[in-house]
Amino acid sequence: MKQESQAEIMAAPSNPRALRESTRDTPLALRIAMICAMLGTFMQVLDSTIANVALPYMQGGLQASRDQVTWVLTSYIVAAAIMTAPVGWIASRFGRKNFFVLCMIGFTVTSMMCGAAQTLDQMILFRVMQGMFGAALSPLSQAIILDRYPPEKRGSIMAIWGMVVMVGPIIGPTLGGYLTDNFSWRWVFYVNAPVGILAIAGLVIFLAPDKPDEAQPFDWTGFGFFAVAIGALQFMLDRGTTKDWFSSGEIVTEAALAGTGTYLFVVHFLTAKRTFVPHGLLNDRNYVSALGLTFFISLLMLATTALLPPFLQDLGGYSVLDTGLMLAPRGVGTMVTMFVIGRIIMRVDARLPMAIGSGLLTWSMWEMSRWTPSVTPWSLTVTTFVQGVGMGLVFIPSNLMAFATLPGSFRTDGAAMINLVRNVGSAIGVSVTTTALANSVQTAHASLAAHVSPFNRALGVNAPGVIWNPHLPFGVAMINGVIERNALTIAYSDVFYFMLFLSLPAFILLALIPKPDDTLPAPKPEMEYIE
């Protein structure tokens, strides 16, 4: 018997299939597979912001209006948000590896199609397809990491995964600006091709396959309600600012559809025996608390990413490249923190670093509310670095806490839901802060303009009497330019101060998190980890 076993072992390498399976079970193969999975996540989160700076160039190349070209962003966001929810079921039904590879191929091909688009209709169609394929990349990579690494090693590997998720949107505008300025806006999409091909090859060769669950049905009714709610909400948030919100019939219609879809989905979720979002998923207190933290961190992260570049360029006078360099300390702070927190998070109460991180985020918003166009580079560097540290201290512990007590059967669904909440939180954050900025500019402009009058003696003596004469056209233009600049400065200060209050609910959620056990959860007997 012993000799027969040895003979089988010696013969195994001659079997190509057995050789492939043994290759995938090595620690090196797992690391390569994880890197390729993270590359997919990086591509997906990068594409959520990289096209922003290229919109003016696309507008000319696709012969679209300013309002029409925004659909390039909206179509991608809506498609990704809708298709994130059923990721768990699709992965179980067809196999996680098969689905992951298919999505990577689809995302890479549609990225190339976006770069080759000749009309706006083609671009929107290809962006919808790109969003549909890209929706699964982040939750699948997270679920694979959680499945293949034991609990005591998840802190460090999730720190690296979190760094990819956090840094991608930060460097997106800078990379997009560089490619657009030096090549063409089409390279914003072509850049995905070499990365995608490398990731696909690594996943096919090194990622171990899993067994599909063909007997599991899908809740099409619940998914239909959910798709209507999320799609209408995303359209409303993205187009509300340009359409003057509820004074527009389109926005009213989208709000009604979002509210109706949400109501029907909640009723269906509470009454149906089986839904595409498992009932047990929201019974875990740690997971629900992590969902809330993810929402608020995502709201602040992308909102500040959207506000800081125009602040630095329009008011500070920085170039596109200098703006990217001034924002780099934020990404550095996040990366440094995630490397450190990944090593210590399994040894400390996760609530402690999350509380410190929330406090740093609140402080950074307070400091930013005091900025003026003459803010020093040192103040910019310190504040954005501290903000990055705060995000890193909250993001990784909340992700680990979310899955600490969640059953393994819910991991893919749980990862998909966290990514959905992150996308929705980002969209709401950008929409709310953009609207608040526009309203604050109007209010400040009206308040400052009230002091402009022929009876104001400051405008009628010496040089101001000639340059800023409100009776002359160039004098009116000069005065209006000064008023607009000051109104914009006041508006940015108000919005950053408003975001300070948006960071406070994180402290309430931290108070609701139960104290963790002193010991790590034991691995499931049926799980096999690579040591």
Protein backbone atom coordinates (compact mmCIF):
# COMPACT_ATOMS: atom_id res chain seq x y z
CA MET A 1 0.00 0.00 0.00
CA LYS A 2 2.79 2.35 0.95
CA GLN A 3 4.71 1.50 -2.22
CA GLU A 4 1.58 2.04 -4.33
CA SER A 5 1.03 5.48 -2.79
CA GLN A 6 4.62 6.43 -3.47
CA ALA A 7 4.26 5.28 -7.07
CA GLU A 8 1.11 7.38 -7.50
CA ILE A 9 2.88 10.38 -6.08
CA MET A 10 5.86 9.90 -8.39
CA ALA A 11 3.51 9.54 -11.37
CA ALA A 12 1.39 12.56 -10.51
CA PRO A 13 3.67 15.18 -12.11
CA SER A 14 3.40 13.38 -15.46
CA ASN A 15 -0.34 14.08 -15.43
CA PRO A 16 -0.81 17.63 -16.77
CA ARG A 17 -4.01 18.22 -14.84
CA ALA A 18 -2.49 16.96 -11.59
CA LEU A 19 0.55 19.13 -12.20
CA ARG A 20 -1.63 22.21 -12.69
CA GLU A 21 -3.57 21.48 -9.51
CA SER A 22 -0.38 20.97 -7.47
CA THR A 23 1.07 24.18 -8.89
CA ARG A 24 -1.99 26.14 -7.76
CA ASP A 25 -1.73 24.85 -4.19
CA THR A 26 1.71 26.31 -3.49
CA PRO A 27 2.24 29.51 -1.45
CA LEU A 28 3.91 31.16 -4.46
CA ALA A 29 0.92 30.37 -6.68
CA LEU A 30 -1.44 31.86 -4.10
CA ARG A 31 0.58 35.06 -3.91
CA ILE A 32 0.61 35.41 -7.69
CA ALA A 33 -3.12 34.75 -7.86
CA MET A 34 -3.77 37.36 -5.15
CA ILE A 35 -1.64 39.95 -6.98
CA CYS A 36 -3.58 39.32 -10.18
CA ALA A 37 -6.88 39.58 -8.31
CA MET A 38 -5.78 42.89 -6.80
CA LEU A 39 -4.81 44.15 -10.25
CA GLY A 40 -8.42 43.60 -11.26
CA THR A 41 -9.60 45.58 -8.24
CA PHE A 42 -7.13 48.35 -9.02
CA MET A 43 -8.37 48.63 -12.60
CA GLN A 44 -11.97 48.83 -11.46
CA VAL A 45 -11.52 51.53 -8.80
CA LEU A 46 -9.12 53.48 -11.01
CA ASP A 47 -11.67 53.66 -13.83
CA SER A 48 -14.20 55.26 -11.50
CA THR A 49 -12.15 58.50 -11.48
CA ILE A 50 -9.53 58.33 -14.24
CA ALA A 51 -11.93 59.53 -16.97
CA ASN A 52 -13.04 62.64 -15.06
CA VAL A 53 -10.26 64.94 -16.25
CA ALA A 54 -10.58 63.69 -19.85
CA LEU A 55 -14.24 64.69 -20.24
CA PRO A 56 -13.54 68.03 -21.98
CA TYR A 57 -11.37 66.25 -24.55
CA MET A 58 -13.98 63.52 -25.05
CA GLN A 59 -16.60 66.21 -25.56
CA GLY A 60 -14.76 67.48 -28.63
CA GLY A 61 -13.73 64.07 -29.93
CA LEU A 62 -17.24 62.60 -29.65
CA GLN A 63 -19.01 65.82 -30.70
CA ALA A 64 -21.12 65.90 -27.54
CA SER A 65 -22.46 68.70 -25.40
CA ARG A 66 -21.25 69.33 -21.87
CA ASP A 67 -24.40 67.75 -20.44
CA GLN A 68 -24.26 64.72 -22.74
CA VAL A 69 -20.64 63.85 -22.06
CA THR A 70 -21.34 63.37 -18.34
CA TRP A 71 -23.19 60.19 -19.31
CA VAL A 72 -19.74 58.67 -19.84
CA LEU A 73 -19.36 58.72 -16.05
CA THR A 74 -23.00 58.11 -15.13
CA SER A 75 -23.42 55.03 -17.32
CA TYR A 76 -20.39 53.32 -15.77
CA ILE A 77 -21.38 54.11 -12.19
CA VAL A 78 -25.01 52.97 -12.62
CA ALA A 79 -24.09 49.72 -14.35
CA ALA A 80 -21.45 48.88 -11.73
CA ALA A 81 -23.81 49.68 -8.84
CA ILE A 82 -26.65 47.53 -10.18
CA MET A 83 -24.48 44.51 -11.05
CA THR A 84 -22.60 44.49 -7.73
CA ALA A 85 -25.53 43.01 -5.80
CA PRO A 86 -25.95 39.66 -7.67
CA VAL A 87 -22.21 38.93 -7.69
CA GLY A 88 -22.57 36.40 -4.86
CA TRP A 89 -25.22 34.34 -6.64
CA ILE A 90 -23.45 34.39 -10.03
CA ALA A 91 -20.16 33.33 -8.43
CA SER A 92 -21.86 30.44 -6.62
CA ARG A 93 -23.83 29.36 -9.67
CA PHE A 94 -21.00 29.34 -12.22
CA GLY A 95 -17.90 29.11 -10.02
CA ARG A 96 -15.89 31.96 -8.56
CA LYS A 97 -12.83 31.43 -10.75
CA ASN A 98 -14.83 31.09 -13.97
CA PHE A 99 -16.79 34.24 -13.19
CA PHE A 100 -13.69 36.20 -12.17
CA VAL A 101 -11.80 35.33 -15.36
CA LEU A 102 -14.85 36.11 -17.51
CA CYS A 103 -15.24 39.53 -15.85
CA MET A 104 -11.54 40.31 -16.28
CA ILE A 105 -11.71 39.44 -19.98
CA GLY A 106 -14.92 41.43 -20.42
CA PHE A 107 -13.54 44.46 -18.55
CA THR A 108 -10.32 44.50 -20.56
CA VAL A 109 -12.09 44.11 -23.92
CA THR A 110 -14.72 46.75 -23.17
CA SER A 111 -11.98 49.13 -21.99
CA MET A 112 -10.39 48.81 -25.43
CA MET A 113 -13.80 49.33 -27.05
CA CYS A 114 -14.27 52.53 -25.02
CA GLY A 115 -10.93 53.81 -26.27
CA ALA A 116 -11.93 53.07 -29.87
CA ALA A 117 -15.45 54.56 -29.62
CA GLN A 118 -16.28 57.01 -32.43
CA THR A 119 -19.66 58.34 -31.25
CA LEU A 120 -21.22 59.20 -27.91
CA ASP A 121 -23.78 56.38 -28.27
CA GLN A 122 -20.99 53.85 -28.70
CA MET A 123 -19.10 55.25 -25.72
CA ILE A 124 -22.13 55.06 -23.42
CA LEU A 125 -22.91 51.49 -24.52
CA PHE A 126 -19.32 50.36 -24.00
CA ARG A 127 -19.13 52.11 -20.61
CA VAL A 128 -22.29 50.29 -19.48
CA MET A 129 -20.71 46.99 -20.48
CA GLN A 130 -17.45 47.95 -18.78
CA GLY A 131 -19.32 48.77 -15.56
CA MET A 132 -21.22 45.48 -15.66
CA PHE A 133 -18.04 43.42 -15.99
CA GLY A 134 -16.10 45.58 -13.51
CA ALA A 135 -18.71 45.33 -10.75
CA ALA A 136 -17.55 41.87 -9.69
CA LEU A 137 -13.78 42.45 -9.64
CA SER A 138 -13.48 44.07 -6.22
CA PRO A 139 -15.89 41.82 -4.22
CA LEU A 140 -14.54 38.63 -5.81
CA SER A 141 -10.92 39.50 -5.02
CA GLN A 142 -11.88 40.31 -1.42
CA ALA A 143 -13.83 37.07 -1.01
CA ILE A 144 -10.97 34.99 -2.44
CA ILE A 145 -8.51 36.58 -0.01
CA LEU A 146 -10.77 35.87 2.96
CA ASP A 147 -11.25 32.27 1.88
CA ARG A 148 -7.63 31.41 1.17
CA TYR A 149 -5.89 33.08 4.12
CA PRO A 150 -6.35 32.06 7.78
CA PRO A 151 -7.71 34.69 10.22
CA GLU A 152 -4.33 35.50 11.76
CA LYS A 153 -2.90 36.44 8.34
CA ARG A 154 -5.83 38.41 6.97
CA GLY A 155 -4.77 41.67 8.57
CA SER A 156 -1.63 42.11 6.48
CA ILE A 157 -3.09 40.88 3.19
CA MET A 158 -6.29 42.92 3.62
CA ALA A 159 -4.12 45.97 4.31
CA ILE A 160 -2.54 45.56 0.88
CA TRP A 161 -5.96 45.02 -0.72
CA GLY A 162 -7.32 48.08 1.07
CA MET A 163 -4.37 50.15 -0.10
CA VAL A 164 -5.30 49.28 -3.69
CA VAL A 165 -8.92 50.30 -3.11
CA MET A 166 -8.05 53.59 -1.37
CA VAL A 167 -5.16 54.72 -3.56
CA GLY A 168 -6.79 53.93 -6.92
CA PRO A 169 -9.34 56.80 -6.84
CA ILE A 170 -6.70 59.19 -5.49
CA ILE A 171 -4.21 58.72 -8.34
CA GLY A 172 -6.93 58.32 -10.99
CA PRO A 173 -7.31 62.03 -11.87
CA THR A 174 -3.53 62.56 -11.91
CA LEU A 175 -2.89 59.58 -14.18
CA GLY A 176 -5.82 60.53 -16.40
CA GLY A 177 -4.50 64.08 -16.75
CA TYR A 178 -1.00 62.86 -17.62
CA LEU A 179 -2.23 60.41 -20.28
CA THR A 180 -4.61 62.96 -21.78
CA ASP A 181 -2.03 65.76 -21.91
CA ASN A 182 0.80 63.65 -23.31
CA PHE A 183 -1.06 61.15 -25.52
CA SER A 184 -4.84 61.20 -26.01
CA TRP A 185 -8.00 60.75 -23.97
CA ARG A 186 -8.31 57.31 -25.55
CA TRP A 187 -5.27 56.13 -23.55
CA VAL A 188 -7.31 56.60 -20.38
CA PHE A 189 -8.99 53.35 -21.46
CA TYR A 190 -6.17 51.69 -23.41
CA VAL A 191 -4.00 51.70 -20.28
CA ASN A 192 -6.14 48.84 -18.92
CA ALA A 193 -5.10 46.45 -21.71
CA PRO A 194 -1.60 45.38 -20.56
CA VAL A 195 -2.66 45.21 -16.92
CA GLY A 196 -5.77 43.20 -17.79
CA ILE A 197 -3.91 40.71 -20.00
CA LEU A 198 -1.32 40.10 -17.26
CA ALA A 199 -4.01 39.61 -14.61
CA ILE A 200 -6.05 37.24 -16.79
CA ALA A 201 -3.02 35.03 -17.49
CA GLY A 202 -2.15 34.87 -13.80
CA LEU A 203 -5.69 33.98 -12.74
CA VAL A 204 -6.05 31.24 -15.36
CA ILE A 205 -2.75 29.62 -14.43
CA PHE A 206 -2.49 30.09 -10.66
CA LEU A 207 -5.99 30.53 -9.19
CA ALA A 208 -7.41 27.24 -7.93
CA PRO A 209 -10.89 26.39 -9.29
CA ASP A 210 -13.97 25.95 -7.11
CA LYS A 211 -17.12 23.87 -7.45
CA PRO A 212 -20.23 25.67 -8.74
CA ASP A 213 -23.59 25.32 -6.95
CA GLU A 214 -25.97 24.66 -9.82
CA ALA A 215 -29.07 24.03 -7.68
CA GLN A 216 -29.32 27.55 -6.23
CA PRO A 217 -32.18 29.65 -7.74
CA PHE A 218 -32.05 33.41 -8.22
CA ASP A 219 -34.44 36.02 -6.88
CA TRP A 220 -35.25 37.93 -10.08
CA THR A 221 -38.13 39.85 -8.48
CA GLY A 222 -36.02 41.31 -5.69
CA PHE A 223 -33.18 42.06 -8.08
CA GLY A 224 -35.58 43.92 -10.40
CA PHE A 225 -36.79 46.16 -7.56
CA PHE A 226 -33.23 46.70 -6.42
CA ALA A 227 -31.98 47.58 -9.91
CA VAL A 228 -34.71 50.19 -10.38
CA ALA A 229 -33.98 51.76 -6.96
CA ILE A 230 -30.19 51.91 -7.35
CA GLY A 231 -30.27 52.96 -11.00
CA ALA A 232 -32.75 55.79 -10.42
CA LEU A 233 -30.89 56.95 -7.30
CA GLN A 234 -27.56 57.08 -9.13
CA PHE A 235 -29.05 59.02 -12.04
CA MET A 236 -30.69 61.46 -9.64
CA LEU A 237 -27.49 62.06 -7.68
CA ASP A 238 -25.31 62.41 -10.76
CA ARG A 239 -27.61 64.77 -12.71
CA GLY A 240 -29.28 66.64 -9.86
CA THR A 241 -26.76 69.48 -9.73
CA THR A 242 -26.91 70.25 -13.46
CA LYS A 243 -30.72 69.95 -13.55
CA ASP A 244 -31.37 72.19 -10.50
CA TRP A 245 -32.67 69.22 -8.53
CA PHE A 246 -36.39 69.04 -7.87
CA SER A 247 -37.27 71.93 -10.14
CA SER A 248 -36.59 69.43 -12.97
CA GLY A 249 -39.19 66.87 -14.02
CA GLU A 250 -36.43 64.34 -14.73
CA ILE A 251 -35.10 64.51 -11.17
CA VAL A 252 -38.61 64.24 -9.68
CA THR A 253 -39.28 61.15 -11.79
CA GLU A 254 -35.99 59.54 -10.81
CA ALA A 255 -36.62 60.28 -7.13
CA ALA A 256 -40.07 58.70 -7.36
CA LEU A 257 -38.64 55.60 -9.05
CA ALA A 258 -35.86 55.34 -6.45
CA GLY A 259 -38.32 55.63 -3.56
CA THR A 260 -40.80 53.15 -5.04
CA GLY A 261 -38.10 50.64 -5.93
CA THR A 262 -36.59 50.88 -2.44
CA TYR A 263 -39.99 50.37 -0.78
CA LEU A 264 -40.84 47.34 -2.93
CA PHE A 265 -37.40 45.83 -2.38
CA VAL A 266 -37.62 46.23 1.42
CA VAL A 267 -41.11 44.68 1.48
CA HIS A 268 -39.94 41.82 -0.70
CA PHE A 269 -36.83 41.31 1.44
CA LEU A 270 -38.88 41.10 4.64
CA THR A 271 -41.63 38.83 3.28
CA ALA A 272 -39.97 36.50 0.75
CA LYS A 273 -38.52 33.20 1.91
CA ARG A 274 -35.43 33.53 -0.27
CA THR A 275 -33.87 36.72 -1.63
CA PHE A 276 -30.70 37.41 -3.60
CA VAL A 277 -29.43 39.24 -0.49
CA PRO A 278 -29.33 36.50 2.20
CA HIS A 279 -31.37 37.33 5.30
CA GLY A 280 -28.60 36.16 7.61
CA LEU A 281 -26.22 38.72 6.11
CA LEU A 282 -27.79 41.61 8.04
CA ASN A 283 -28.17 39.68 11.29
CA ASP A 284 -24.49 40.12 12.11
CA ARG A 285 -23.95 43.23 14.26
CA ASN A 286 -20.30 43.60 13.33
CA TYR A 287 -21.09 43.41 9.63
CA VAL A 288 -23.89 45.98 9.78
CA SER A 289 -21.68 48.38 11.75
CA ALA A 290 -18.92 47.93 9.17
CA LEU A 291 -21.39 48.73 6.39
CA GLY A 292 -22.18 52.04 8.08
CA LEU A 293 -18.51 52.92 8.53
CA THR A 294 -17.78 52.02 4.91
CA PHE A 295 -20.57 54.33 3.77
CA PHE A 296 -19.27 57.37 5.65
CA ILE A 297 -15.60 56.78 4.83
CA SER A 298 -16.45 56.39 1.14
CA LEU A 299 -18.58 59.52 1.28
CA LEU A 300 -15.66 61.56 2.63
CA MET A 301 -12.95 59.91 0.51
CA LEU A 302 -14.37 60.52 -2.96
CA ALA A 303 -15.96 63.85 -2.03
CA THR A 304 -12.60 65.29 -0.95
CA THR A 305 -10.98 63.73 -4.03
CA ALA A 306 -13.52 65.60 -6.19
CA LEU A 307 -13.23 68.93 -4.31
CA LEU A 308 -9.49 69.31 -3.77
CA PRO A 309 -8.28 69.38 -7.43
CA PRO A 310 -10.53 72.30 -8.49
CA PHE A 311 -9.74 74.09 -5.22
CA LEU A 312 -6.01 73.86 -5.86
CA GLN A 313 -6.25 74.68 -9.57
CA ASP A 314 -8.97 77.38 -9.60
CA LEU A 315 -8.03 79.16 -6.38
CA GLY A 316 -4.47 78.08 -5.62
CA GLY A 317 -3.20 78.44 -9.17
CA TYR A 318 -1.57 74.98 -9.27
CA SER A 319 -1.11 73.11 -12.55
CA VAL A 320 -2.60 69.66 -13.13
CA LEU A 321 0.74 67.96 -12.40
CA ASP A 322 1.41 70.10 -9.30
CA THR A 323 -2.11 69.35 -8.06
CA GLY A 324 -1.41 65.64 -8.31
CA LEU A 325 1.84 66.06 -6.41
CA MET A 326 0.13 68.10 -3.69
CA LEU A 327 -2.44 65.32 -3.23
CA ALA A 328 0.20 62.57 -3.14
CA PRO A 329 0.78 62.85 0.67
CA ARG A 330 -2.78 61.67 1.19
CA GLY A 331 -2.06 58.44 -0.65
CA VAL A 332 1.28 58.08 1.13
CA GLY A 333 -0.43 58.44 4.50
CA THR A 334 -2.93 55.75 3.57
CA MET A 335 -0.27 53.33 2.34
CA VAL A 336 2.02 53.78 5.36
CA THR A 337 -0.86 53.32 7.77
CA MET A 338 -2.16 50.21 6.04
CA PHE A 339 1.25 48.53 6.17
CA VAL A 340 1.47 49.24 9.91
CA ILE A 341 -2.13 48.44 10.80
CA GLY A 342 -1.98 45.19 8.86
CA ARG A 343 0.71 43.93 11.25
CA ILE A 344 -0.91 44.93 14.53
CA ILE A 345 -4.66 44.81 13.91
CA MET A 346 -5.04 41.17 14.99
CA ARG A 347 -3.39 41.99 18.36
CA VAL A 348 -5.45 45.04 19.40
CA ASP A 349 -9.08 46.01 19.84
CA ALA A 350 -10.13 47.08 16.33
CA ARG A 351 -12.27 49.86 17.78
CA LEU A 352 -9.18 51.74 19.02
CA PRO A 353 -7.53 52.43 15.62
CA MET A 354 -10.95 53.15 14.11
CA ALA A 355 -11.66 55.74 16.82
CA ILE A 356 -8.25 57.35 16.30
CA GLY A 357 -8.78 57.35 12.53
CA SER A 358 -12.23 58.93 12.84
CA GLY A 359 -10.75 61.63 15.06
CA LEU A 360 -8.01 62.36 12.52
CA LEU A 361 -10.56 62.62 9.73
CA THR A 362 -12.63 65.08 11.76
CA TRP A 363 -9.53 67.17 12.53
CA SER A 364 -8.49 67.23 8.86
CA MET A 365 -11.92 68.53 7.84
CA TRP A 366 -11.71 71.24 10.51
CA GLU A 367 -8.27 72.26 9.25
CA MET A 368 -9.44 72.29 5.61
CA SER A 369 -12.37 74.55 6.52
CA ARG A 370 -9.79 77.21 7.44
CA TRP A 371 -7.95 77.05 4.12
CA THR A 372 -7.68 80.07 1.81
CA PRO A 373 -6.11 80.35 -1.67
CA SER A 374 -2.85 81.34 0.04
CA VAL A 375 -2.66 78.12 2.08
CA THR A 376 0.97 77.01 2.35
CA PRO A 377 2.24 73.80 0.73
CA TRP A 378 3.32 72.62 4.20
CA SER A 379 -0.22 72.95 5.56
CA LEU A 380 -1.59 71.14 2.50
CA THR A 381 0.91 68.32 2.89
CA VAL A 382 0.38 67.80 6.62
CA THR A 383 -3.41 67.96 6.46
CA THR A 384 -3.80 65.62 3.49
CA PHE A 385 -1.26 63.18 4.98
CA VAL A 386 -3.16 63.07 8.28
CA GLN A 387 -6.39 62.57 6.36
CA GLY A 388 -4.86 59.60 4.55
CA VAL A 389 -3.68 58.15 7.87
CA GLY A 390 -7.20 58.49 9.27
CA MET A 391 -8.76 56.69 6.30
CA GLY A 392 -6.28 53.86 6.59
CA LEU A 393 -6.94 53.45 10.32
CA VAL A 394 -10.68 53.09 9.69
CA PHE A 395 -10.84 51.19 6.42
CA ILE A 396 -8.84 48.03 7.17
CA PRO A 397 -10.16 47.34 10.73
CA SER A 398 -13.75 47.86 9.55
CA ASN A 399 -13.26 45.38 6.68
CA LEU A 400 -11.74 42.76 8.99
CA MET A 401 -14.43 43.34 11.60
CA ALA A 402 -17.15 42.89 8.98
CA PHE A 403 -16.07 39.32 8.25
CA ALA A 404 -14.78 38.32 11.71
CA THR A 405 -18.06 36.72 12.75
CA LEU A 406 -19.79 36.38 9.38
CA PRO A 407 -20.32 32.75 8.23
CA GLY A 408 -18.11 31.68 5.34
CA SER A 409 -21.12 30.99 3.13
CA PHE A 410 -21.95 34.73 3.18
CA ARG A 411 -18.48 36.02 2.30
CA THR A 412 -19.01 36.67 -1.41
CA ASP A 413 -22.42 38.25 -0.82
CA GLY A 414 -20.98 40.25 2.06
CA ALA A 415 -18.06 41.51 -0.02
CA ALA A 416 -20.45 42.48 -2.83
CA MET A 417 -22.70 44.41 -0.43
CA ILE A 418 -19.76 46.29 1.09
CA ASN A 419 -18.59 47.32 -2.36
CA LEU A 420 -22.12 48.40 -3.26
CA VAL A 421 -22.36 50.55 -0.12
CA ARG A 422 -18.95 52.03 -0.93
CA ASN A 423 -20.10 52.97 -4.45
CA VAL A 424 -23.39 54.46 -3.26
CA GLY A 425 -21.64 56.37 -0.47
CA SER A 426 -19.13 57.79 -2.94
CA ALA A 427 -21.90 58.89 -5.32
CA ILE A 428 -23.91 60.52 -2.53
CA GLY A 429 -20.82 62.25 -1.16
CA VAL A 430 -19.87 63.79 -4.50
CA SER A 431 -23.46 64.82 -5.25
CA VAL A 432 -24.17 66.35 -1.83
CA THR A 433 -20.90 68.27 -1.59
CA THR A 434 -21.12 69.51 -5.21
CA THR A 435 -24.64 70.79 -4.58
CA ALA A 436 -23.63 72.37 -1.28
CA LEU A 437 -20.70 74.07 -3.01
CA ALA A 438 -22.90 75.50 -5.78
CA ASN A 439 -25.51 76.78 -3.32
CA SER A 440 -22.88 78.27 -1.04
CA VAL A 441 -21.23 80.09 -3.97
CA GLN A 442 -24.56 81.69 -4.90
CA THR A 443 -25.28 82.73 -1.32
CA ALA A 444 -21.80 84.18 -0.75
CA HIS A 445 -21.83 85.95 -4.11
CA ALA A 446 -25.16 87.62 -3.33
CA SER A 447 -23.95 88.66 0.13
CA LEU A 448 -20.70 90.18 -1.19
CA ALA A 449 -22.36 91.85 -4.17
CA ALA A 450 -24.74 93.67 -1.84
CA HIS A 451 -21.80 95.85 -0.75
CA VAL A 452 -21.03 96.96 -4.32
CA SER A 453 -22.67 100.33 -4.84
CA PRO A 454 -21.81 103.74 -6.32
CA PHE A 455 -22.21 105.02 -2.78
CA ASN A 456 -19.38 102.79 -1.47
CA ARG A 457 -16.53 105.28 -0.92
CA ALA A 458 -13.90 102.55 -1.23
CA LEU A 459 -14.78 102.22 -4.94
CA GLY A 460 -14.67 105.92 -5.71
CA VAL A 461 -11.29 107.19 -4.59
CA ASN A 462 -7.86 107.12 -6.24
CA ALA A 463 -7.04 103.99 -8.31
CA PRO A 464 -10.13 101.96 -7.33
CA GLY A 465 -12.24 104.80 -8.65
CA VAL A 466 -10.81 104.17 -12.12
CA ILE A 467 -10.20 100.41 -12.15
CA TRP A 468 -13.30 99.31 -10.21
CA ASN A 469 -15.72 101.95 -11.37
CA PRO A 470 -19.14 100.20 -11.31
CA HIS A 471 -20.36 102.60 -14.01
CA LEU A 472 -17.87 101.23 -16.56
CA PRO A 473 -18.00 97.74 -18.18
CA PHE A 474 -14.41 96.80 -17.33
CA GLY A 475 -14.96 98.05 -13.77
CA VAL A 476 -17.99 95.78 -13.37
CA ALA A 477 -15.99 92.84 -14.76
CA MET A 478 -13.12 93.51 -12.34
CA ILE A 479 -15.44 93.73 -9.36
CA ASN A 480 -17.36 90.60 -10.36
CA GLY A 481 -14.13 88.63 -10.73
CA VAL A 482 -13.03 89.56 -7.21
CA ILE A 483 -16.48 88.74 -5.82
CA GLU A 484 -16.56 85.34 -7.55
CA ARG A 485 -13.13 84.42 -6.23
CA ASN A 486 -14.00 85.37 -2.67
CA ALA A 487 -17.40 83.69 -2.92
CA LEU A 488 -15.73 80.48 -4.09
CA THR A 489 -13.22 80.67 -1.21
CA ILE A 490 -16.05 81.06 1.31
CA ALA A 491 -18.02 78.23 -0.33
CA TYR A 492 -15.12 75.75 -0.12
CA SER A 493 -14.64 76.65 3.53
CA ASP A 494 -18.34 76.07 4.22
CA VAL A 495 -18.38 72.72 2.41
CA PHE A 496 -15.31 71.41 4.24
CA TYR A 497 -16.93 72.51 7.50
CA PHE A 498 -20.12 70.70 6.44
CA MET A 499 -18.08 67.54 5.78
CA LEU A 500 -16.77 67.76 9.33
CA PHE A 501 -20.30 67.03 10.53
CA LEU A 502 -20.63 64.21 8.01
CA SER A 503 -17.69 62.48 9.73
CA LEU A 504 -19.33 62.51 13.18
CA PRO A 505 -21.77 59.56 12.67
CA ALA A 506 -18.71 57.27 12.56
CA PHE A 507 -18.28 57.78 16.34
CA ILE A 508 -21.89 56.68 16.92
CA LEU A 509 -21.33 53.52 14.88
CA LEU A 510 -18.16 52.76 16.83
CA ALA A 511 -20.14 52.90 20.07
CA LEU A 512 -22.50 50.22 18.71
CA ILE A 513 -19.72 47.73 17.93
CA PRO A 514 -19.46 44.99 20.57
CA LYS A 515 -16.17 44.34 22.30
CA PRO A 516 -14.23 41.65 20.37
CA ASP A 517 -13.28 38.31 21.90
CA ASP A 518 -9.77 37.89 23.19
CA THR A 519 -9.15 35.00 20.82
CA LEU A 520 -9.26 34.83 17.06
CA PRO A 521 -12.09 32.85 15.49
CA ALA A 522 -11.11 29.27 14.75
CA PRO A 523 -10.83 28.32 11.09
CA LYS A 524 -13.69 26.33 9.61
CA PRO A 525 -12.87 22.61 9.45
CA GLU A 526 -13.86 22.46 5.78
CA MET A 527 -11.64 25.41 4.80
CA GLU A 528 -8.15 24.84 3.45
CA TYR A 529 -5.66 27.65 3.83
CA ILE A 530 -2.27 28.18 2.27
CA GLU A 531 0.24 28.69 5.06
